[in-house]
Amino acid sequence: MLFALEASRPLGEAVADALDIALSPHEERRFEDGEHKSRPLANVRDRDVYVLQSLHGLGGQSVDDKLVRLLFFVGALRSNGAARVTVLAPYLCYSRKDRRTQPNDPVTSRYLATLMEAAGADRVVTLEVHNVAAYQNAFRCASEHLEVRHLLAGPIAEAAGNDDLVVLSPDLGGIKRAEAFRELLMQRVQRPVAAGFMEKYRSRGVVTGERLVGDVDGRTVIIVDDLIAGGTTLRRAAAACKQAGACRILAAAAHGVFGAAAPENLLPTAVEKIYISDSISPELAPASLRPRLTVASCAPGFADAVRRLHRGAPLPGDVDYPS
């Protein structure tokens, strides 16, 4: 059985279509004081149940509102006898704060895992989390991770044509992600693809570091990150690549958060196209940015994950999801 809470219903319908099933019915009600309740309108007893909610703060509900609605719905599924409950969270909130970098810092990724486990989740599936190792270590229930490179490498390879390519991480922390993307892109274009990275330091919200490592002169650069929020990181990397002689600049990220400052940061840059998934609906992006976006749906990947998990099969990281 597959449920999708209202805030993520369009993506849930796309996953259901890919599975060739209908979404199971449910009810969501909001009370006058801001409280709410959600309940399944179908019998879930002894069923293998999947519930989809993308946990971002856009589209009229805050991230906390979406999270609480999901937790309460998971609890209702468990209370009504579901045999197994799997959370499908294409965008997983609070995953960026996965370690202490300042005294008394919270480790919110671990607290999030505790909440989901306490509500009754048996498994969590997400797309391109900020730090895979921290995500897997935070959860005591099963945690599955889907990689965006399987969605975006094909469209980018087509757009790149016969260009001389460089895959660039905009910071040291994303080097492994960029390297995995580079390896898949090489398979798609059937020729060598160079690698590079940017120096980056962040302290109290201030980003520093200007050094670019890698030869981008005369090449098409693909800047790979997990998400784009304010656009500062992408702006800095694009400016450094342009100054170093890059002829074209593309960007690839799983999640297009695109906060209020994103147009100001990104529109003046030389970034030609931004490739993202629909873990966050592109309709929620600022209108001025939408012409630069190329969107690949993550629905087939989540549908494939549901099929595999339902029959007890693993989710191999080296298998492309169907398009």
Protein backbone atom coordinates (compact mmCIF):
# COMPACT_ATOMS: atom_id res chain seq x y z
CA MET A 1 0.00 0.00 0.00
CA LEU A 2 1.26 3.47 -0.89
CA PHE A 3 0.10 6.68 0.78
CA ALA A 4 1.22 10.22 -0.07
CA LEU A 5 0.44 13.08 2.28
CA GLU A 6 -1.21 16.07 0.65
CA ALA A 7 1.89 18.29 0.56
CA SER A 8 3.63 15.68 -1.62
CA ARG A 9 0.63 14.28 -3.48
CA PRO A 10 1.78 15.10 -7.06
CA LEU A 11 5.06 13.24 -6.53
CA GLY A 12 3.19 10.43 -4.78
CA GLU A 13 0.86 10.08 -7.76
CA ALA A 14 3.86 9.87 -10.07
CA VAL A 15 5.35 7.07 -7.94
CA ALA A 16 1.99 5.27 -7.89
CA ASP A 17 1.72 5.58 -11.70
CA ALA A 18 5.20 4.09 -12.07
CA LEU A 19 4.11 1.18 -9.84
CA ASP A 20 0.83 0.85 -11.78
CA ILE A 21 -1.20 1.11 -8.57
CA ALA A 22 -3.50 3.73 -7.03
CA LEU A 23 -2.60 5.76 -3.99
CA SER A 24 -4.38 4.43 -0.91
CA PRO A 25 -6.95 6.90 0.49
CA HIS A 26 -6.36 8.90 3.62
CA GLU A 27 -7.76 11.92 5.45
CA GLU A 28 -5.99 15.05 6.66
CA ARG A 29 -7.84 17.58 8.79
CA ARG A 30 -6.73 20.88 10.28
CA PHE A 31 -8.41 22.26 13.37
CA GLU A 32 -9.06 25.91 14.19
CA ASP A 33 -6.14 26.15 16.63
CA GLY A 34 -3.62 24.84 14.11
CA GLU A 35 -3.59 21.24 15.31
CA HIS A 36 -4.27 18.51 12.77
CA LYS A 37 -4.92 14.82 12.36
CA SER A 38 -4.26 12.31 9.60
CA ARG A 39 -5.58 8.77 9.25
CA PRO A 40 -5.65 6.02 6.63
CA LEU A 41 -9.07 5.39 5.09
CA ALA A 42 -8.17 1.82 4.12
CA ASN A 43 -7.41 -1.27 6.18
CA VAL A 44 -3.65 -1.44 6.74
CA ARG A 45 -3.60 -4.41 9.12
CA ASP A 46 -0.82 -6.87 8.25
CA ARG A 47 0.08 -4.87 5.14
CA ASP A 48 3.43 -3.65 3.83
CA VAL A 49 2.82 0.12 3.85
CA TYR A 50 4.81 2.95 2.24
CA VAL A 51 4.13 6.62 2.98
CA LEU A 52 5.68 9.45 0.95
CA GLN A 53 6.35 12.94 2.27
CA SER A 54 9.11 15.26 1.04
CA LEU A 55 10.27 17.13 4.13
CA HIS A 56 11.12 20.61 2.87
CA GLY A 57 9.75 23.93 4.08
CA LEU A 58 8.20 25.17 0.82
CA GLY A 59 4.66 25.16 -0.54
CA GLY A 60 2.61 26.52 2.35
CA GLN A 61 3.61 24.12 5.12
CA SER A 62 6.73 24.50 7.22
CA VAL A 63 9.26 21.71 7.42
CA ASP A 64 8.20 21.10 11.04
CA ASP A 65 4.54 20.90 10.07
CA LYS A 66 5.31 18.35 7.37
CA LEU A 67 7.49 16.35 9.72
CA VAL A 68 4.89 16.22 12.50
CA ARG A 69 2.15 15.23 10.05
CA LEU A 70 4.36 12.43 8.77
CA LEU A 71 5.23 11.21 12.28
CA PHE A 72 1.58 11.19 13.37
CA PHE A 73 0.54 9.36 10.20
CA VAL A 74 3.25 6.73 10.69
CA GLY A 75 2.01 6.34 14.26
CA ALA A 76 -1.56 5.87 13.03
CA LEU A 77 -0.43 3.21 10.55
CA ARG A 78 1.41 1.36 13.30
CA SER A 79 -1.50 1.68 15.75
CA ASN A 80 -3.83 0.20 13.14
CA GLY A 81 -1.73 -2.91 12.66
CA ALA A 82 0.49 -2.26 9.64
CA ALA A 83 3.02 -5.09 9.38
CA ARG A 84 5.79 -2.79 8.13
CA VAL A 85 5.95 0.97 7.59
CA THR A 86 8.47 2.48 5.18
CA VAL A 87 8.94 6.24 4.98
CA LEU A 88 9.78 7.59 1.52
CA ALA A 89 11.33 11.03 2.09
CA PRO A 90 12.75 12.33 -1.21
CA TYR A 91 14.04 15.39 0.65
CA LEU A 92 15.05 14.57 4.22
CA CYS A 93 14.96 17.54 6.57
CA TYR A 94 17.57 18.30 9.22
CA SER A 95 20.20 16.09 7.59
CA ARG A 96 22.76 18.87 7.06
CA LYS A 97 23.52 19.12 10.77
CA ASP A 98 25.06 15.66 11.23
CA ARG A 99 27.94 16.50 13.61
CA ARG A 100 29.02 19.07 16.16
CA THR A 101 31.07 21.91 14.67
CA GLN A 102 30.55 24.36 17.56
CA PRO A 103 30.31 23.80 21.33
CA ASN A 104 26.87 22.49 22.39
CA ASP A 105 25.74 22.02 18.77
CA PRO A 106 22.70 19.79 18.19
CA VAL A 107 23.07 16.71 16.00
CA THR A 108 19.69 17.04 14.36
CA SER A 109 20.07 14.13 11.93
CA ARG A 110 20.26 11.77 14.92
CA TYR A 111 17.29 13.39 16.66
CA LEU A 112 15.25 13.07 13.47
CA ALA A 113 16.06 9.37 13.30
CA THR A 114 14.96 8.92 16.92
CA LEU A 115 11.62 10.60 16.20
CA MET A 116 10.92 8.42 13.15
CA GLU A 117 11.84 5.25 14.97
CA ALA A 118 9.70 6.22 17.98
CA ALA A 119 6.70 6.87 15.69
CA GLY A 120 7.04 3.34 14.29
CA ALA A 121 8.98 3.58 11.03
CA ASP A 122 10.70 0.32 10.09
CA ARG A 123 12.63 1.79 7.18
CA VAL A 124 13.47 5.18 5.67
CA VAL A 125 14.33 5.78 2.00
CA THR A 126 15.71 9.11 0.84
CA LEU A 127 17.43 10.69 -2.14
CA GLU A 128 20.98 12.08 -2.06
CA VAL A 129 21.29 12.91 1.61
CA HIS A 130 23.94 15.42 2.67
CA ASN A 131 26.24 12.84 4.30
CA VAL A 132 25.48 9.20 3.57
CA ALA A 133 27.62 7.76 6.37
CA ALA A 134 26.07 10.07 8.96
CA TYR A 135 22.57 9.23 7.68
CA GLN A 136 23.18 5.50 7.92
CA ASN A 137 24.75 5.79 11.37
CA ALA A 138 21.93 7.98 12.73
CA PHE A 139 19.20 5.40 12.15
CA ARG A 140 18.76 2.15 14.04
CA CYS A 141 15.94 1.14 11.71
CA ALA A 142 16.84 0.29 8.10
CA SER A 143 17.99 3.29 6.04
CA GLU A 144 18.19 3.23 2.25
CA HIS A 145 19.81 5.84 0.02
CA LEU A 146 19.13 6.62 -3.65
CA GLU A 147 21.70 8.55 -5.69
CA VAL A 148 20.76 11.40 -7.99
CA ARG A 149 23.59 10.63 -10.44
CA HIS A 150 21.43 7.90 -11.99
CA LEU A 151 18.81 10.53 -12.82
CA LEU A 152 20.99 13.38 -14.06
CA ALA A 153 24.02 11.83 -15.77
CA GLY A 154 22.08 10.98 -18.94
CA PRO A 155 20.58 14.43 -19.57
CA ILE A 156 23.90 16.10 -18.81
CA ALA A 157 25.81 13.77 -21.12
CA GLU A 158 23.36 14.64 -23.91
CA ALA A 159 23.72 18.38 -23.25
CA ALA A 160 27.52 18.18 -23.12
CA GLY A 161 27.81 16.67 -26.59
CA ASN A 162 31.45 16.26 -27.55
CA ASP A 163 32.76 18.87 -25.09
CA ASP A 164 35.88 18.28 -23.03
CA LEU A 165 34.38 17.74 -19.54
CA VAL A 166 35.30 18.41 -15.91
CA VAL A 167 33.19 17.36 -12.93
CA LEU A 168 33.78 19.75 -10.04
CA SER A 169 32.87 19.52 -6.36
CA PRO A 170 32.20 22.98 -4.89
CA ASP A 171 33.74 21.89 -1.57
CA LEU A 172 35.92 19.18 -0.06
CA GLY A 173 32.98 17.43 1.58
CA GLY A 174 31.35 16.68 -1.77
CA ILE A 175 34.36 15.09 -3.48
CA LYS A 176 33.06 11.52 -3.15
CA ARG A 177 29.68 12.53 -4.58
CA ALA A 178 31.33 14.32 -7.49
CA GLU A 179 33.68 11.39 -8.14
CA ALA A 180 30.78 8.93 -8.29
CA PHE A 181 29.02 11.26 -10.72
CA ARG A 182 32.19 11.57 -12.82
CA GLU A 183 32.57 7.79 -13.09
CA LEU A 184 28.99 7.36 -14.28
CA LEU A 185 29.29 10.28 -16.68
CA MET A 186 32.40 8.70 -18.23
CA GLN A 187 30.38 5.54 -18.89
CA ARG A 188 27.71 7.62 -20.61
CA VAL A 189 30.02 9.74 -22.81
CA GLN A 190 32.58 6.96 -23.42
CA ARG A 191 35.60 9.22 -22.95
CA PRO A 192 37.72 10.57 -20.09
CA VAL A 193 36.22 13.20 -17.77
CA ALA A 194 38.51 15.28 -15.55
CA ALA A 195 37.94 16.11 -11.88
CA GLY A 196 38.31 19.22 -9.75
CA PHE A 197 37.19 20.80 -6.51
CA MET A 198 36.87 24.16 -4.78
CA GLU A 199 38.27 25.24 -1.46
CA LYS A 200 35.42 26.22 0.90
CA TYR A 201 35.09 27.06 4.57
CA ARG A 202 31.92 28.05 6.39
CA SER A 203 31.86 29.61 9.85
CA ARG A 204 28.82 31.29 11.43
CA GLY A 205 27.18 31.54 8.03
CA VAL A 206 30.17 33.18 6.33
CA VAL A 207 31.69 31.28 3.39
CA THR A 208 35.37 31.72 2.52
CA GLY A 209 37.97 30.01 0.33
CA GLU A 210 38.73 30.86 -3.28
CA ARG A 211 41.18 28.21 -4.50
CA LEU A 212 40.17 26.11 -7.50
CA VAL A 213 41.98 22.78 -7.95
CA GLY A 214 41.79 21.29 -11.44
CA ASP A 215 42.21 22.40 -15.05
CA VAL A 216 38.97 23.86 -16.42
CA ASP A 217 40.43 26.05 -19.18
CA GLY A 218 38.49 25.57 -22.43
CA ARG A 219 36.30 22.87 -20.88
CA THR A 220 32.65 22.38 -19.92
CA VAL A 221 32.39 22.20 -16.14
CA ILE A 222 29.64 20.30 -14.30
CA ILE A 223 29.38 21.50 -10.69
CA VAL A 224 27.86 18.70 -8.60
CA ASP A 225 26.26 19.22 -5.17
CA ASP A 226 23.51 17.64 -3.07
CA LEU A 227 21.32 20.76 -2.93
CA ILE A 228 21.11 24.40 -3.93
CA ALA A 229 19.61 26.70 -1.31
CA GLY A 230 20.83 30.30 -1.30
CA GLY A 231 23.10 29.72 -4.28
CA THR A 232 26.24 31.19 -2.65
CA THR A 233 28.28 28.01 -3.04
CA LEU A 234 27.34 27.60 -6.70
CA ARG A 235 27.95 31.29 -7.43
CA ARG A 236 31.47 31.13 -5.99
CA ALA A 237 32.37 27.96 -7.84
CA ALA A 238 30.98 29.25 -11.15
CA ALA A 239 32.88 32.54 -10.82
CA ALA A 240 36.15 30.72 -10.14
CA CYS A 241 35.61 28.40 -13.13
CA LYS A 242 34.79 31.28 -15.45
CA GLN A 243 37.86 33.20 -14.33
CA ALA A 244 39.98 30.10 -14.96
CA GLY A 245 38.75 29.85 -18.56
CA ALA A 246 35.81 27.44 -18.51
CA CYS A 247 33.83 27.70 -21.74
CA ARG A 248 30.51 26.34 -20.37
CA ILE A 249 29.23 25.79 -16.83
CA LEU A 250 26.43 23.41 -15.87
CA ALA A 251 25.21 22.52 -12.38
CA ALA A 252 23.69 19.31 -11.02
CA ALA A 253 21.97 18.88 -7.66
CA ALA A 254 19.37 16.54 -6.24
CA HIS A 255 17.36 19.16 -4.42
CA GLY A 256 16.37 22.60 -5.65
CA VAL A 257 15.59 24.42 -2.41
CA PHE A 258 16.16 27.87 -3.98
CA GLY A 259 15.69 30.25 -1.08
CA ALA A 260 14.92 33.94 -1.34
CA ALA A 261 18.52 34.88 -2.16
CA ALA A 262 18.91 32.30 -4.94
CA PRO A 263 17.89 34.51 -7.90
CA GLU A 264 20.21 37.31 -6.78
CA ASN A 265 23.10 34.86 -6.47
CA LEU A 266 22.47 32.68 -9.52
CA LEU A 267 20.98 34.80 -12.28
CA PRO A 268 24.14 36.90 -12.85
CA THR A 269 26.37 33.80 -13.01
CA ALA A 270 27.59 31.97 -16.09
CA VAL A 271 25.71 28.80 -15.09
CA GLU A 272 23.94 27.81 -18.29
CA LYS A 273 21.65 25.10 -16.92
CA ILE A 274 20.82 23.71 -13.48
CA TYR A 275 19.83 20.03 -13.46
CA ILE A 276 17.71 18.95 -10.47
CA SER A 277 15.26 16.26 -9.43
CA ASP A 278 11.64 16.91 -8.44
CA SER A 279 12.19 15.93 -4.80
CA ILE A 280 11.03 19.53 -4.33
CA SER A 281 8.54 20.59 -6.97
CA PRO A 282 10.20 22.92 -9.52
CA GLU A 283 6.95 24.89 -9.50
CA LEU A 284 8.02 26.16 -6.06
CA ALA A 285 11.25 27.63 -7.46
CA PRO A 286 11.40 31.39 -8.09
CA ALA A 287 9.88 32.11 -11.50
CA SER A 288 13.01 33.90 -12.68
CA LEU A 289 15.10 30.75 -12.20
CA ARG A 290 12.78 28.26 -13.87
CA PRO A 291 14.04 28.84 -17.45
CA ARG A 292 17.47 27.62 -16.32
CA LEU A 293 16.14 24.44 -14.71
CA THR A 294 16.10 20.99 -16.28
CA VAL A 295 14.16 18.56 -14.11
CA ALA A 296 14.42 14.76 -13.95
CA SER A 297 11.73 12.96 -11.97
CA CYS A 298 12.79 10.83 -9.02
CA ALA A 299 9.45 8.99 -9.10
CA PRO A 300 10.72 6.01 -11.18
CA GLY A 301 13.63 5.58 -8.76
CA PHE A 302 11.36 5.51 -5.73
CA ALA A 303 8.95 3.16 -7.49
CA ASP A 304 11.83 0.81 -8.27
CA ALA A 305 12.94 1.00 -4.63
CA VAL A 306 9.43 0.08 -3.46
CA ARG A 307 9.32 -2.92 -5.82
CA ARG A 308 12.68 -4.17 -4.61
CA LEU A 309 11.97 -3.65 -0.92
CA HIS A 310 8.54 -5.29 -1.15
CA ARG A 311 10.08 -8.49 -2.48
CA GLY A 312 13.05 -8.32 -0.12
CA ALA A 313 15.62 -7.42 -2.78
CA PRO A 314 18.54 -5.01 -2.15
CA LEU A 315 18.88 -1.60 -3.73
CA PRO A 316 22.14 -1.85 -5.68
CA GLY A 317 23.83 1.51 -6.01
CA ASP A 318 25.33 0.71 -9.40
CA VAL A 319 22.07 -0.01 -11.23
CA ASP A 320 20.42 2.80 -13.17
CA TYR A 321 16.82 3.49 -12.28
CA PRO A 322 14.38 3.30 -15.19
CA SER A 323 13.55 6.56 -16.95
